[in-house]
Amino acid sequence: ARRGGLVDADDTVPLDIAPLFETVDD
């Protein structure tokens, strides 16, 4: 996201990231 330019003026990434656990082991 940082490389793609999705960065706020305060140098934070304004994005909520949700891991999706899909296997039984995960």
PDB file of all heavy atoms in Angstrom:
ATOM      1  N   ALA A   1       0.832  -1.205   0.000  1.00  0.00           N
ATOM      2  CA  ALA A   1       0.000   0.000   0.000  1.00  0.00           C
ATOM      3  C   ALA A   1       0.868   1.258   0.000  1.00  0.00           C
ATOM      4  O   ALA A   1       0.566   2.233  -0.705  1.00  0.00           O
ATOM      5  CB  ALA A   1      -0.928  -0.007   1.212  1.00  0.00           C
ATOM      6  N   ARG A   2       1.927   1.243   0.788  1.00  0.00           N
ATOM      7  CA  ARG A   2       2.831   2.399   0.819  1.00  0.00           C
ATOM      8  C   ARG A   2       3.466   2.613  -0.553  1.00  0.00           C
ATOM      9  O   ARG A   2       3.544   3.743  -1.041  1.00  0.00           O
ATOM     10  CB  ARG A   2       3.919   2.193   1.875  1.00  0.00           C
ATOM     11  CG  ARG A   2       3.425   2.361   3.307  1.00  0.00           C
ATOM     12  CD  ARG A   2       4.565   2.287   4.307  1.00  0.00           C
ATOM     13  NE  ARG A   2       4.104   2.564   5.657  1.00  0.00           N
ATOM     14  CZ  ARG A   2       3.898   3.781   6.150  1.00  0.00           C
ATOM     15  NH1 ARG A   2       4.161   4.828   5.388  1.00  0.00           N
ATOM     16  NH2 ARG A   2       3.478   3.948   7.385  1.00  0.00           N
ATOM     17  N   ARG A   3       3.902   1.530  -1.174  1.00  0.00           N
ATOM     18  CA  ARG A   3       4.524   1.686  -2.491  1.00  0.00           C
ATOM     19  C   ARG A   3       3.528   2.195  -3.522  1.00  0.00           C
ATOM     20  O   ARG A   3       3.874   2.953  -4.431  1.00  0.00           O
ATOM     21  CB  ARG A   3       5.108   0.348  -2.950  1.00  0.00           C
ATOM     22  CG  ARG A   3       5.961   0.475  -4.212  1.00  0.00           C
ATOM     23  CD  ARG A   3       6.462  -0.864  -4.699  1.00  0.00           C
ATOM     24  NE  ARG A   3       5.372  -1.714  -5.181  1.00  0.00           N
ATOM     25  CZ  ARG A   3       5.557  -2.956  -5.639  1.00  0.00           C
ATOM     26  NH1 ARG A   3       6.776  -3.496  -5.634  1.00  0.00           N
ATOM     27  NH2 ARG A   3       4.531  -3.669  -6.059  1.00  0.00           N
ATOM     28  N   GLY A   4       2.260   1.803  -3.369  1.00  0.00           N
ATOM     29  CA  GLY A   4       1.237   2.225  -4.315  1.00  0.00           C
ATOM     30  C   GLY A   4       0.711   3.623  -4.085  1.00  0.00           C
ATOM     31  O   GLY A   4      -0.143   4.103  -4.844  1.00  0.00           O
ATOM     32  N   GLY A   5       1.177   4.302  -3.027  1.00  0.00           N
ATOM     33  CA  GLY A   5       0.797   5.687  -2.795  1.00  0.00           C
ATOM     34  C   GLY A   5      -0.400   5.884  -1.889  1.00  0.00           C
ATOM     35  O   GLY A   5      -0.906   7.005  -1.760  1.00  0.00           O
ATOM     36  N   LEU A   6      -0.858   4.804  -1.220  1.00  0.00           N
ATOM     37  CA  LEU A   6      -1.987   4.941  -0.302  1.00  0.00           C
ATOM     38  C   LEU A   6      -1.451   5.300   1.088  1.00  0.00           C
ATOM     39  O   LEU A   6      -1.381   4.478   1.999  1.00  0.00           O
ATOM     40  CB  LEU A   6      -2.786   3.633  -0.255  1.00  0.00           C
ATOM     41  CG  LEU A   6      -4.075   3.654   0.585  1.00  0.00           C
ATOM     42  CD1 LEU A   6      -5.014   4.760   0.125  1.00  0.00           C
ATOM     43  CD2 LEU A   6      -4.774   2.306   0.536  1.00  0.00           C
ATOM     44  N   VAL A   7      -1.056   6.562   1.236  1.00  0.00           N
ATOM     45  CA  VAL A   7      -0.442   7.044   2.472  1.00  0.00           C
ATOM     46  C   VAL A   7      -1.026   8.418   2.798  1.00  0.00           C
ATOM     47  O   VAL A   7      -1.181   9.265   1.918  1.00  0.00           O
ATOM     48  CB  VAL A   7       1.094   7.153   2.336  1.00  0.00           C
ATOM     49  CG1 VAL A   7       1.723   7.586   3.653  1.00  0.00           C
ATOM     50  CG2 VAL A   7       1.696   5.828   1.881  1.00  0.00           C
ATOM     51  N   ASP A   8      -1.356   8.621   4.067  1.00  0.00           N
ATOM     52  CA  ASP A   8      -1.888   9.900   4.527  1.00  0.00           C
ATOM     53  C   ASP A   8      -0.776  10.928   4.716  1.00  0.00           C
ATOM     54  O   ASP A   8       0.411  10.596   4.681  1.00  0.00           O
ATOM     55  CB  ASP A   8      -2.610   9.714   5.866  1.00  0.00           C
ATOM     56  CG  ASP A   8      -4.121   9.634   5.669  1.00  0.00           C
ATOM     57  OD1 ASP A   8      -4.593   9.938   4.568  1.00  0.00           O
ATOM     58  OD2 ASP A   8      -4.812   9.276   6.634  1.00  0.00           O
ATOM     59  N   ALA A   9      -1.183  12.163   4.971  1.00  0.00           N
ATOM     60  CA  ALA A   9      -0.214  13.230   5.213  1.00  0.00           C
ATOM     61  C   ALA A   9       0.624  12.967   6.455  1.00  0.00           C
ATOM     62  O   ALA A   9       1.764  13.438   6.552  1.00  0.00           O
ATOM     63  CB  ALA A   9      -0.936  14.571   5.347  1.00  0.00           C
ATOM     64  N   ASP A  10       0.083  12.210   7.411  1.00  0.00           N
ATOM     65  CA  ASP A  10       0.836  11.895   8.622  1.00  0.00           C
ATOM     66  C   ASP A  10       1.624  10.596   8.503  1.00  0.00           C
ATOM     67  O   ASP A  10       2.045  10.014   9.495  1.00  0.00           O
ATOM     68  CB  ASP A  10      -0.088  11.837   9.840  1.00  0.00           C
ATOM     69  CG  ASP A  10      -1.209  10.819   9.663  1.00  0.00           C
ATOM     70  OD1 ASP A  10      -1.263  10.177   8.595  1.00  0.00           O
ATOM     71  OD2 ASP A  10      -2.033  10.661  10.582  1.00  0.00           O
ATOM     72  N   ASP A  11       1.812  10.115   7.253  1.00  0.00           N
ATOM     73  CA  ASP A  11       2.625   8.931   6.942  1.00  0.00           C
ATOM     74  C   ASP A  11       2.029   7.650   7.508  1.00  0.00           C
ATOM     75  O   ASP A  11       2.755   6.741   7.889  1.00  0.00           O
ATOM     76  CB  ASP A  11       4.069   9.102   7.437  1.00  0.00           C
ATOM     77  CG  ASP A  11       5.024   8.106   6.768  1.00  0.00           C
ATOM     78  OD1 ASP A  11       4.861   7.865   5.563  1.00  0.00           O
ATOM     79  OD2 ASP A  11       5.913   7.557   7.448  1.00  0.00           O
ATOM     80  N   THR A  12       0.713   7.554   7.567  1.00  0.00           N
ATOM     81  CA  THR A  12       0.049   6.313   7.934  1.00  0.00           C
ATOM     82  C   THR A  12      -0.736   5.802   6.730  1.00  0.00           C
ATOM     83  O   THR A  12      -1.101   6.577   5.834  1.00  0.00           O
ATOM     84  CB  THR A  12      -0.909   6.501   9.119  1.00  0.00           C
ATOM     85  OG1 THR A  12      -1.930   7.443   8.759  1.00  0.00           O
ATOM     86  CG2 THR A  12      -0.155   7.015  10.341  1.00  0.00           C
ATOM     87  N   VAL A  13      -0.988   4.501   6.713  1.00  0.00           N
ATOM     88  CA  VAL A  13      -1.763   3.881   5.636  1.00  0.00           C
ATOM     89  C   VAL A  13      -3.234   3.873   6.042  1.00  0.00           C
ATOM     90  O   VAL A  13      -3.603   3.182   6.994  1.00  0.00           O
ATOM     91  CB  VAL A  13      -1.274   2.451   5.359  1.00  0.00           C
ATOM     92  CG1 VAL A  13      -2.166   1.764   4.318  1.00  0.00           C
ATOM     93  CG2 VAL A  13       0.175   2.456   4.877  1.00  0.00           C
ATOM     94  N   PRO A  14      -4.103   4.637   5.359  1.00  0.00           N
ATOM     95  CA  PRO A  14      -5.512   4.750   5.760  1.00  0.00           C
ATOM     96  C   PRO A  14      -6.346   3.576   5.248  1.00  0.00           C
ATOM     97  O   PRO A  14      -7.249   3.730   4.416  1.00  0.00           O
ATOM     98  CB  PRO A  14      -5.939   6.072   5.118  1.00  0.00           C
ATOM     99  CG  PRO A  14      -5.114   6.141   3.869  1.00  0.00           C
ATOM    100  CD  PRO A  14      -3.794   5.508   4.210  1.00  0.00           C
ATOM    101  N   LEU A  15      -6.031   2.400   5.748  1.00  0.00           N
ATOM    102  CA  LEU A  15      -6.671   1.191   5.232  1.00  0.00           C
ATOM    103  C   LEU A  15      -6.842   0.179   6.360  1.00  0.00           C
ATOM    104  O   LEU A  15      -5.891  -0.094   7.105  1.00  0.00           O
ATOM    105  CB  LEU A  15      -5.806   0.580   4.122  1.00  0.00           C
ATOM    106  CG  LEU A  15      -6.404  -0.576   3.328  1.00  0.00           C
ATOM    107  CD1 LEU A  15      -7.620  -0.118   2.535  1.00  0.00           C
ATOM    108  CD2 LEU A  15      -5.354  -1.161   2.388  1.00  0.00           C
ATOM    109  N   ASP A  16      -8.048  -0.382   6.478  1.00  0.00           N
ATOM    110  CA  ASP A  16      -8.296  -1.459   7.433  1.00  0.00           C
ATOM    111  C   ASP A  16      -8.010  -2.785   6.737  1.00  0.00           C
ATOM    112  O   ASP A  16      -8.551  -3.054   5.656  1.00  0.00           O
ATOM    113  CB  ASP A  16      -9.750  -1.425   7.917  1.00  0.00           C
ATOM    114  CG  ASP A  16     -10.067  -0.163   8.700  1.00  0.00           C
ATOM    115  OD1 ASP A  16      -9.204   0.268   9.482  1.00  0.00           O
ATOM    116  OD2 ASP A  16     -11.167   0.384   8.517  1.00  0.00           O
ATOM    117  N   ILE A  17      -7.170  -3.609   7.356  1.00  0.00           N
ATOM    118  CA  ILE A  17      -6.736  -4.862   6.745  1.00  0.00           C
ATOM    119  C   ILE A  17      -7.339  -6.024   7.511  1.00  0.00           C
ATOM    120  O   ILE A  17      -7.186  -6.128   8.728  1.00  0.00           O
ATOM    121  CB  ILE A  17      -5.198  -4.961   6.739  1.00  0.00           C
ATOM    122  CG1 ILE A  17      -4.596  -3.738   6.041  1.00  0.00           C
ATOM    123  CG2 ILE A  17      -4.736  -6.245   6.059  1.00  0.00           C
ATOM    124  CD1 ILE A  17      -3.088  -3.645   6.159  1.00  0.00           C
ATOM    125  N   ALA A  18      -8.030  -6.918   6.797  1.00  0.00           N
ATOM    126  CA  ALA A  18      -8.728  -8.038   7.429  1.00  0.00           C
ATOM    127  C   ALA A  18      -8.163  -9.362   6.922  1.00  0.00           C
ATOM    128  O   ALA A  18      -8.354  -9.714   5.755  1.00  0.00           O
ATOM    129  CB  ALA A  18     -10.221  -7.968   7.129  1.00  0.00           C
ATOM    130  N   PRO A  19      -7.454 -10.116   7.771  1.00  0.00           N
ATOM    131  CA  PRO A  19      -7.019 -11.452   7.364  1.00  0.00           C
ATOM    132  C   PRO A  19      -8.219 -12.402   7.305  1.00  0.00           C
ATOM    133  O   PRO A  19      -9.095 -12.358   8.171  1.00  0.00           O
ATOM    134  CB  PRO A  19      -6.038 -11.858   8.469  1.00  0.00           C
ATOM    135  CG  PRO A  19      -6.457 -11.061   9.662  1.00  0.00           C
ATOM    136  CD  PRO A  19      -7.009  -9.772   9.133  1.00  0.00           C
ATOM    137  N   LEU A  20      -8.259 -13.214   6.282  1.00  0.00           N
ATOM    138  CA  LEU A  20      -9.327 -14.199   6.102  1.00  0.00           C
ATOM    139  C   LEU A  20      -8.724 -15.591   6.261  1.00  0.00           C
ATOM    140  O   LEU A  20      -7.923 -16.033   5.439  1.00  0.00           O
ATOM    141  CB  LEU A  20      -9.959 -14.018   4.718  1.00  0.00           C
ATOM    142  CG  LEU A  20     -10.934 -15.070   4.195  1.00  0.00           C
ATOM    143  CD1 LEU A  20     -12.029 -15.362   5.200  1.00  0.00           C
ATOM    144  CD2 LEU A  20     -11.520 -14.637   2.865  1.00  0.00           C
ATOM    145  N   PHE A  21      -9.092 -16.265   7.340  1.00  0.00           N
ATOM    146  CA  PHE A  21      -8.588 -17.619   7.617  1.00  0.00           C
ATOM    147  C   PHE A  21      -9.521 -18.623   6.959  1.00  0.00           C
ATOM    148  O   PHE A  21     -10.701 -18.712   7.322  1.00  0.00           O
ATOM    149  CB  PHE A  21      -8.508 -17.852   9.133  1.00  0.00           C
ATOM    150  CG  PHE A  21      -7.623 -16.872   9.843  1.00  0.00           C
ATOM    151  CD1 PHE A  21      -8.083 -16.178  10.958  1.00  0.00           C
ATOM    152  CD2 PHE A  21      -6.327 -16.624   9.402  1.00  0.00           C
ATOM    153  CE1 PHE A  21      -7.277 -15.280  11.627  1.00  0.00           C
ATOM    154  CE2 PHE A  21      -5.511 -15.712  10.059  1.00  0.00           C
ATOM    155  CZ  PHE A  21      -5.980 -15.042  11.173  1.00  0.00           C
ATOM    156  N   GLU A  22      -8.975 -19.419   6.030  1.00  0.00           N
ATOM    157  CA  GLU A  22      -9.837 -20.248   5.195  1.00  0.00           C
ATOM    158  C   GLU A  22      -9.582 -21.751   5.310  1.00  0.00           C
ATOM    159  O   GLU A  22     -10.447 -22.529   4.905  1.00  0.00           O
ATOM    160  CB  GLU A  22      -9.695 -19.819   3.736  1.00  0.00           C
ATOM    161  CG  GLU A  22     -10.143 -18.383   3.500  1.00  0.00           C
ATOM    162  CD  GLU A  22     -10.312 -18.044   2.043  1.00  0.00           C
ATOM    163  OE1 GLU A  22     -11.367 -18.359   1.483  1.00  0.00           O
ATOM    164  OE2 GLU A  22      -9.374 -17.477   1.467  1.00  0.00           O
ATOM    165  N   THR A  23      -8.441 -22.154   5.756  1.00  0.00           N
ATOM    166  CA  THR A  23      -8.206 -23.583   5.906  1.00  0.00           C
ATOM    167  C   THR A  23      -8.431 -23.981   7.364  1.00  0.00           C
ATOM    168  O   THR A  23      -8.418 -23.129   8.262  1.00  0.00           O
ATOM    169  CB  THR A  23      -6.773 -23.965   5.498  1.00  0.00           C
ATOM    170  OG1 THR A  23      -5.849 -23.431   6.469  1.00  0.00           O
ATOM    171  CG2 THR A  23      -6.427 -23.426   4.108  1.00  0.00           C
ATOM    172  N   VAL A  24      -8.621 -25.281   7.598  1.00  0.00           N
ATOM    173  CA  VAL A  24      -8.814 -25.748   8.958  1.00  0.00           C
ATOM    174  C   VAL A  24      -7.588 -25.435   9.822  1.00  0.00           C
ATOM    175  O   VAL A  24      -7.712 -25.002  10.969  1.00  0.00           O
ATOM    176  CB  VAL A  24      -9.131 -27.259   8.971  1.00  0.00           C
ATOM    177  CG1 VAL A  24      -9.148 -27.798  10.403  1.00  0.00           C
ATOM    178  CG2 VAL A  24     -10.484 -27.514   8.304  1.00  0.00           C
ATOM    179  N   ASP A  25      -6.395 -25.633   9.263  1.00  0.00           N
ATOM    180  CA  ASP A  25      -5.177 -25.336  10.014  1.00  0.00           C
ATOM    181  C   ASP A  25      -5.078 -23.855  10.356  1.00  0.00           C
ATOM    182  O   ASP A  25      -4.656 -23.487  11.464  1.00  0.00           O
ATOM    183  CB  ASP A  25      -3.945 -25.781   9.222  1.00  0.00           C
ATOM    184  CG  ASP A  25      -3.744 -27.288   9.250  1.00  0.00           C
ATOM    185  OD1 ASP A  25      -4.352 -27.942  10.126  1.00  0.00           O
ATOM    186  OD2 ASP A  25      -2.990 -27.808   8.405  1.00  0.00           O
ATOM    187  N   ASP A  26      -5.436 -22.989   9.405  1.00  0.00           N
ATOM    188  CA  ASP A  26      -5.367 -21.547   9.671  1.00  0.00           C
ATOM    189  C   ASP A  26      -6.393 -21.133  10.723  1.00  0.00           C
ATOM    190  O   ASP A  26      -6.144 -20.233  11.522  1.00  0.00           O
ATOM    191  CB  ASP A  26      -5.581 -20.754   8.376  1.00  0.00           C
ATOM    192  CG  ASP A  26      -4.379 -20.825   7.451  1.00  0.00           C
ATOM    193  OD1 ASP A  26      -3.252 -20.948   7.970  1.00  0.00           O
ATOM    194  OD2 ASP A  26      -4.567 -20.758   6.218  1.00  0.00           O
TER     195      ASP A  26
END
